Amino acid sequence: MDIEKFSSLELKQEDVSTITEACNKMKRLEDQVNAEEENLSKLKSKLRDFQERIIPELMQQAGVSSLVLTDGSKVQVKPYYGAKIPESRTEEAFLWLREKGHGDMIKNTVTATLDRGQDNQVSELIKVCEQNGFKYNQKMKVEPMTLKAFAKEQVEKGQELPFDLFGVYIANRAYIK
């Protein structure tokens, strides 16, 4: 659809009113979605405060790590682990993982831009990229859940793990089942 072609056409007042009304509805919906997203963010923050601070503190003061509520659901406080490599320290973190024998956690992705008609060369791409002058990008990452599980395992085994390098976060968290 060529918008410029239509922009020079004369519109009926009725069409302009209909379009304006639809645009106003769209704007209201956008505003409503933004408000709901902001509200959801605030609710998640409150929930996290109850999970990681309020309930664990109350249960610790009471000297219990679990209890059964009147509706039969069980509340438990267990350690929660989080980890995220800061972008500014990715290279350093990968070097540490490789030096400590955990390099297999690093996922390596190579992306190349090929011209039309070069599909048959894809299987050889990695070994012939430079020979054929292909432009390519390489991206390495550790999957978030893999990193989280690794951090938990290292901490629980008492192994060396630079918390700042891997953005390790540990908290007691209440779970209700």
Protein backbone atom coordinates (compact mmCIF):
# COMPACT_ATOMS: atom_id res chain seq x y z
CA MET A 1 0.00 0.00 0.00
CA ASP A 2 1.44 3.35 -1.05
CA ILE A 3 0.46 5.85 1.65
CA GLU A 4 1.72 8.83 -0.35
CA LYS A 5 -0.68 7.97 -3.18
CA PHE A 6 -3.61 8.13 -0.77
CA SER A 7 -2.44 11.19 1.15
CA SER A 8 -3.29 13.45 -1.80
CA LEU A 9 -6.85 12.15 -2.04
CA GLU A 10 -9.68 14.18 -0.63
CA LEU A 11 -11.19 12.50 2.41
CA LYS A 12 -14.80 12.74 3.45
CA GLN A 13 -15.43 14.27 6.87
CA GLU A 14 -17.09 11.00 7.90
CA ASP A 15 -13.90 9.03 7.03
CA VAL A 16 -11.71 11.51 8.91
CA SER A 17 -13.98 11.21 11.96
CA THR A 18 -13.89 7.40 11.83
CA ILE A 19 -10.10 7.32 11.51
CA THR A 20 -9.68 9.91 14.28
CA GLU A 21 -11.95 7.92 16.59
CA ALA A 22 -10.02 4.69 15.91
CA CYS A 23 -6.69 6.47 16.50
CA ASN A 24 -7.97 7.90 19.78
CA LYS A 25 -9.05 4.40 20.88
CA MET A 26 -5.62 3.05 19.93
CA LYS A 27 -3.91 5.79 21.97
CA ARG A 28 -6.10 5.04 24.99
CA LEU A 29 -5.26 1.32 24.66
CA GLU A 30 -1.53 2.12 24.45
CA ASP A 31 -1.83 4.27 27.59
CA GLN A 32 -3.78 1.50 29.35
CA VAL A 33 -1.18 -1.14 28.40
CA ASN A 34 1.64 1.11 29.65
CA ALA A 35 -0.19 1.73 32.94
CA GLU A 36 -0.88 -2.00 33.41
CA GLU A 37 2.78 -2.86 32.69
CA GLU A 38 3.89 -0.29 35.27
CA ASN A 39 1.36 -1.68 37.77
CA LEU A 40 2.55 -5.25 37.08
CA SER A 41 6.15 -4.18 37.69
CA LYS A 42 5.16 -2.66 41.06
CA LEU A 43 3.22 -5.81 42.00
CA LYS A 44 6.20 -8.03 41.12
CA SER A 45 8.44 -5.86 43.28
CA LYS A 46 6.03 -6.18 46.24
CA LEU A 47 5.80 -9.94 45.72
CA ARG A 48 9.61 -10.24 45.66
CA ASP A 49 9.76 -8.26 48.93
CA PHE A 50 7.36 -10.72 50.57
CA GLN A 51 9.21 -13.73 49.09
CA GLU A 52 12.74 -12.63 49.90
CA ARG A 53 12.47 -10.40 52.94
CA ILE A 54 9.20 -10.24 54.87
CA ILE A 55 8.21 -13.94 55.07
CA PRO A 56 11.78 -15.29 55.49
CA GLU A 57 12.41 -12.77 58.31
CA LEU A 58 9.11 -13.60 60.05
CA MET A 59 9.75 -17.33 59.80
CA GLN A 60 13.33 -16.92 61.02
CA GLN A 61 12.09 -14.92 64.02
CA ALA A 62 9.60 -17.70 64.73
CA GLY A 63 12.36 -20.32 64.36
CA VAL A 64 10.72 -22.28 61.54
CA SER A 65 11.74 -23.00 57.95
CA SER A 66 8.38 -24.40 56.85
CA LEU A 67 4.79 -24.55 57.98
CA VAL A 68 1.38 -25.67 56.74
CA LEU A 69 -1.32 -23.03 56.30
CA THR A 70 -4.96 -23.58 57.25
CA ASP A 71 -5.86 -24.21 53.59
CA GLY A 72 -3.34 -27.07 53.48
CA SER A 73 -0.70 -25.29 51.40
CA LYS A 74 2.88 -25.50 52.61
CA VAL A 75 5.22 -22.53 53.02
CA GLN A 76 8.94 -23.19 52.83
CA VAL A 77 11.95 -20.89 52.93
CA LYS A 78 14.76 -22.14 50.75
CA PRO A 79 17.83 -20.54 49.21
CA TYR A 80 17.29 -18.84 45.86
CA TYR A 81 20.16 -18.37 43.43
CA GLY A 82 20.47 -15.91 40.59
CA ALA A 83 23.43 -15.12 38.33
CA LYS A 84 24.05 -12.90 35.32
CA ILE A 85 27.40 -12.06 33.77
CA PRO A 86 27.72 -8.28 33.47
CA GLU A 87 28.18 -7.30 29.82
CA SER A 88 31.31 -5.34 30.68
CA ARG A 89 32.93 -8.46 32.16
CA THR A 90 31.91 -11.14 29.65
CA GLU A 91 35.41 -11.74 28.30
CA GLU A 92 36.85 -11.97 31.83
CA ALA A 93 34.10 -14.36 32.94
CA PHE A 94 34.60 -16.62 29.91
CA LEU A 95 38.35 -16.69 30.55
CA TRP A 96 37.73 -17.70 34.19
CA LEU A 97 35.32 -20.46 33.12
CA ARG A 98 37.82 -21.86 30.61
CA GLU A 99 40.74 -21.70 33.06
CA LYS A 100 38.71 -23.52 35.72
CA GLY A 101 37.58 -26.28 33.34
CA HIS A 102 34.02 -25.04 32.79
CA GLY A 103 34.44 -23.76 29.21
CA ASP A 104 31.86 -26.24 27.94
CA MET A 105 29.17 -23.99 29.45
CA ILE A 106 29.90 -21.32 26.85
CA LYS A 107 27.58 -21.46 23.86
CA ASN A 108 29.29 -20.30 20.68
CA THR A 109 27.19 -19.00 17.76
CA VAL A 110 28.58 -17.91 14.40
CA THR A 111 26.37 -15.87 12.09
CA ALA A 112 27.32 -15.09 8.50
CA THR A 113 25.81 -13.03 5.73
CA LEU A 114 25.73 -14.93 2.45
CA ASP A 115 24.91 -13.65 -0.98
CA ARG A 116 22.18 -15.27 -3.03
CA GLY A 117 23.22 -18.56 -4.56
CA GLN A 118 25.69 -19.47 -1.78
CA ASP A 119 23.36 -21.79 0.17
CA ASN A 120 25.40 -24.84 -0.85
CA GLN A 121 28.43 -23.46 1.03
CA VAL A 122 26.71 -23.31 4.44
CA SER A 123 27.97 -26.72 5.58
CA GLU A 124 31.58 -25.59 5.04
CA LEU A 125 31.08 -22.09 6.35
CA ILE A 126 33.15 -22.15 9.50
CA LYS A 127 36.34 -23.49 7.90
CA VAL A 128 36.13 -21.40 4.72
CA CYS A 129 34.72 -18.05 5.96
CA GLU A 130 37.98 -16.16 5.68
CA GLN A 131 39.10 -17.93 2.49
CA ASN A 132 35.90 -16.84 0.71
CA GLY A 133 35.80 -13.39 2.27
CA PHE A 134 32.47 -13.92 4.04
CA LYS A 135 31.56 -11.40 6.70
CA TYR A 136 30.55 -13.14 9.89
CA ASN A 137 29.80 -12.40 13.51
CA GLN A 138 30.61 -14.61 16.43
CA LYS A 139 28.60 -14.52 19.63
CA MET A 140 29.36 -16.47 22.76
CA LYS A 141 27.09 -16.78 25.75
CA VAL A 142 26.24 -18.92 28.73
CA GLU A 143 22.53 -19.73 28.96
CA PRO A 144 20.98 -17.98 32.01
CA MET A 145 19.57 -21.16 33.57
CA THR A 146 22.89 -22.96 33.05
CA LEU A 147 24.73 -20.14 34.80
CA LYS A 148 22.21 -20.08 37.64
CA ALA A 149 22.54 -23.86 38.16
CA PHE A 150 26.33 -23.62 37.96
CA ALA A 151 26.42 -20.85 40.58
CA LYS A 152 24.18 -22.85 42.92
CA GLU A 153 26.31 -25.97 42.48
CA GLN A 154 29.58 -24.12 43.09
CA VAL A 155 28.28 -22.34 46.20
CA GLU A 156 26.74 -25.48 47.69
CA LYS A 157 29.96 -27.45 47.09
CA GLY A 158 32.04 -24.63 48.61
CA GLN A 159 33.94 -24.16 45.32
CA GLU A 160 35.62 -20.95 44.23
CA LEU A 161 33.29 -18.58 42.37
CA PRO A 162 33.83 -14.82 41.97
CA PHE A 163 30.36 -13.49 42.77
CA ASP A 164 30.92 -10.07 41.21
CA LEU A 165 32.20 -11.56 37.95
CA PHE A 166 29.10 -13.71 37.56
CA GLY A 167 26.55 -11.38 39.19
CA VAL A 168 25.70 -14.06 41.73
CA TYR A 169 22.69 -13.27 43.89
CA ILE A 170 21.64 -15.49 46.78
CA ALA A 171 18.60 -14.92 48.96
CA ASN A 172 16.29 -16.96 51.09
CA ARG A 173 12.96 -17.11 49.32
CA ALA A 174 9.55 -18.23 50.54
CA TYR A 175 7.65 -20.67 48.35
CA ILE A 176 4.02 -21.63 48.78
CA LYS A 177 2.77 -24.91 47.32
